[in-house]
Amino acid sequence: MKHFIIASKVGLVCAGGFALVTLLTSKLIQNKYFLAGYVFLATGVIDYFTHPTHFGAHYTEAVTTGLGAALISIVVSFILDKNK
């Protein structure tokens, strides 16, 4: 349950940032690589400041979480492009 609460905080802040970026730069958000980069950066930074790491150096979990989120973003982008 504790992890769910932390993940929800990270997700809500990232979603808010995503909405702001979408309003300001809607053309950039259409680029799947820009989007994945944003997801990596936003998720990593928010994860870093939300809770301490559970493994490795103080930034390892945040970077790993950001990379995982960016990978999911890229995969979903390709799947959606394929279905058009």
C-alpha atoms as a PDB file:
ATOM      1  CA  MET A   1       0.000   0.000   0.000  1.00  0.00           C
ATOM      2  CA  LYS A   2       2.879   2.365   0.820  1.00  0.00           C
ATOM      3  CA  HIS A   3       4.410   1.853  -2.637  1.00  0.00           C
ATOM      4  CA  PHE A   4       1.022   2.512  -4.254  1.00  0.00           C
ATOM      5  CA  ILE A   5       0.751   5.867  -2.470  1.00  0.00           C
ATOM      6  CA  ILE A   6       4.280   6.878  -3.508  1.00  0.00           C
ATOM      7  CA  ALA A   7       3.686   5.784  -7.108  1.00  0.00           C
ATOM      8  CA  SER A   8       0.407   7.717  -7.155  1.00  0.00           C
ATOM      9  CA  LYS A   9       2.172  10.900  -6.031  1.00  0.00           C
ATOM     10  CA  VAL A  10       4.805  10.509  -8.743  1.00  0.00           C
ATOM     11  CA  GLY A  11       2.137   9.778 -11.359  1.00  0.00           C
ATOM     12  CA  LEU A  12      -0.040  12.741 -10.416  1.00  0.00           C
ATOM     13  CA  VAL A  13       2.820  15.223 -10.497  1.00  0.00           C
ATOM     14  CA  CYS A  14       4.060  13.813 -13.834  1.00  0.00           C
ATOM     15  CA  ALA A  15       0.543  14.011 -15.281  1.00  0.00           C
ATOM     16  CA  GLY A  16       0.233  17.634 -14.194  1.00  0.00           C
ATOM     17  CA  GLY A  17       3.570  18.456 -15.771  1.00  0.00           C
ATOM     18  CA  PHE A  18       2.578  16.578 -18.906  1.00  0.00           C
ATOM     19  CA  ALA A  19      -0.638  18.610 -19.155  1.00  0.00           C
ATOM     20  CA  LEU A  20       1.375  21.831 -18.837  1.00  0.00           C
ATOM     21  CA  VAL A  21       3.897  20.740 -21.474  1.00  0.00           C
ATOM     22  CA  THR A  22       1.043  19.729 -23.770  1.00  0.00           C
ATOM     23  CA  LEU A  23      -0.557  23.156 -23.463  1.00  0.00           C
ATOM     24  CA  LEU A  24       2.716  24.949 -24.155  1.00  0.00           C
ATOM     25  CA  THR A  25       4.270  22.745 -26.845  1.00  0.00           C
ATOM     26  CA  SER A  26       1.673  20.484 -28.427  1.00  0.00           C
ATOM     27  CA  LYS A  27       3.846  19.878 -31.516  1.00  0.00           C
ATOM     28  CA  LEU A  28       6.789  18.600 -29.449  1.00  0.00           C
ATOM     29  CA  ILE A  29       4.574  16.193 -27.523  1.00  0.00           C
ATOM     30  CA  GLN A  30       3.698  14.470 -30.827  1.00  0.00           C
ATOM     31  CA  ASN A  31       7.330  13.357 -31.154  1.00  0.00           C
ATOM     32  CA  LYS A  32       7.565   9.976 -29.412  1.00  0.00           C
ATOM     33  CA  TYR A  33      11.235  10.502 -28.515  1.00  0.00           C
ATOM     34  CA  PHE A  34      10.632  13.926 -26.964  1.00  0.00           C
ATOM     35  CA  LEU A  35       7.746  12.424 -25.021  1.00  0.00           C
ATOM     36  CA  ALA A  36       9.900   9.529 -23.790  1.00  0.00           C
ATOM     37  CA  GLY A  37      12.621  11.986 -22.778  1.00  0.00           C
ATOM     38  CA  TYR A  38      10.101  14.075 -20.871  1.00  0.00           C
ATOM     39  CA  VAL A  39       8.693  10.984 -19.177  1.00  0.00           C
ATOM     40  CA  PHE A  40      12.203   9.869 -18.190  1.00  0.00           C
ATOM     41  CA  LEU A  41      13.190  13.257 -16.811  1.00  0.00           C
ATOM     42  CA  ALA A  42       9.920  14.022 -15.026  1.00  0.00           C
ATOM     43  CA  THR A  43       9.533  10.557 -13.505  1.00  0.00           C
ATOM     44  CA  GLY A  44      13.177  10.373 -12.441  1.00  0.00           C
ATOM     45  CA  VAL A  45      13.239  13.809 -10.812  1.00  0.00           C
ATOM     46  CA  ILE A  46       9.902  13.407  -9.050  1.00  0.00           C
ATOM     47  CA  ASP A  47      10.780   9.889  -7.894  1.00  0.00           C
ATOM     48  CA  TYR A  48      14.114  11.158  -6.543  1.00  0.00           C
ATOM     49  CA  PHE A  49      12.474  13.846  -4.429  1.00  0.00           C
ATOM     50  CA  THR A  50       9.452  11.782  -3.364  1.00  0.00           C
ATOM     51  CA  HIS A  51      11.217   9.013  -1.460  1.00  0.00           C
ATOM     52  CA  PRO A  52      14.673   7.625  -0.684  1.00  0.00           C
ATOM     53  CA  THR A  53      16.163   4.903  -2.843  1.00  0.00           C
ATOM     54  CA  HIS A  54      15.785   1.241  -1.947  1.00  0.00           C
ATOM     55  CA  PHE A  55      18.918   0.078  -3.789  1.00  0.00           C
ATOM     56  CA  GLY A  56      22.217   1.408  -5.086  1.00  0.00           C
ATOM     57  CA  ALA A  57      23.318   5.025  -4.882  1.00  0.00           C
ATOM     58  CA  HIS A  58      20.929   7.784  -3.836  1.00  0.00           C
ATOM     59  CA  TYR A  59      19.800   8.312  -7.446  1.00  0.00           C
ATOM     60  CA  THR A  60      19.760   4.721  -8.760  1.00  0.00           C
ATOM     61  CA  GLU A  61      16.106   3.939  -8.147  1.00  0.00           C
ATOM     62  CA  ALA A  62      14.961   7.267  -9.614  1.00  0.00           C
ATOM     63  CA  VAL A  63      16.979   6.713 -12.800  1.00  0.00           C
ATOM     64  CA  THR A  64      15.752   3.123 -13.074  1.00  0.00           C
ATOM     65  CA  THR A  65      12.136   4.201 -12.606  1.00  0.00           C
ATOM     66  CA  GLY A  66      12.553   6.961 -15.194  1.00  0.00           C
ATOM     67  CA  LEU A  67      14.095   4.562 -17.712  1.00  0.00           C
ATOM     68  CA  GLY A  68      11.287   2.071 -17.171  1.00  0.00           C
ATOM     69  CA  ALA A  69       8.638   4.748 -17.689  1.00  0.00           C
ATOM     70  CA  ALA A  70      10.394   6.029 -20.833  1.00  0.00           C
ATOM     71  CA  LEU A  71      10.627   2.501 -22.237  1.00  0.00           C
ATOM     72  CA  ILE A  72       6.901   1.975 -21.639  1.00  0.00           C
ATOM     73  CA  SER A  73       6.229   5.308 -23.364  1.00  0.00           C
ATOM     74  CA  ILE A  74       8.249   4.294 -26.455  1.00  0.00           C
ATOM     75  CA  VAL A  75       6.639   0.842 -26.683  1.00  0.00           C
ATOM     76  CA  VAL A  76       3.122   2.263 -26.376  1.00  0.00           C
ATOM     77  CA  SER A  77       3.928   4.944 -28.977  1.00  0.00           C
ATOM     78  CA  PHE A  78       5.028   2.298 -31.480  1.00  0.00           C
ATOM     79  CA  ILE A  79       1.974   0.157 -30.766  1.00  0.00           C
ATOM     80  CA  LEU A  80      -0.347   3.130 -31.279  1.00  0.00           C
ATOM     81  CA  ASP A  81       1.464   4.122 -34.494  1.00  0.00           C
ATOM     82  CA  LYS A  82       1.147   0.574 -35.794  1.00  0.00           C
ATOM     83  CA  ASN A  83      -2.620   0.547 -35.150  1.00  0.00           C
ATOM     84  CA  LYS A  84      -3.281   3.748 -37.128  1.00  0.00           C
END
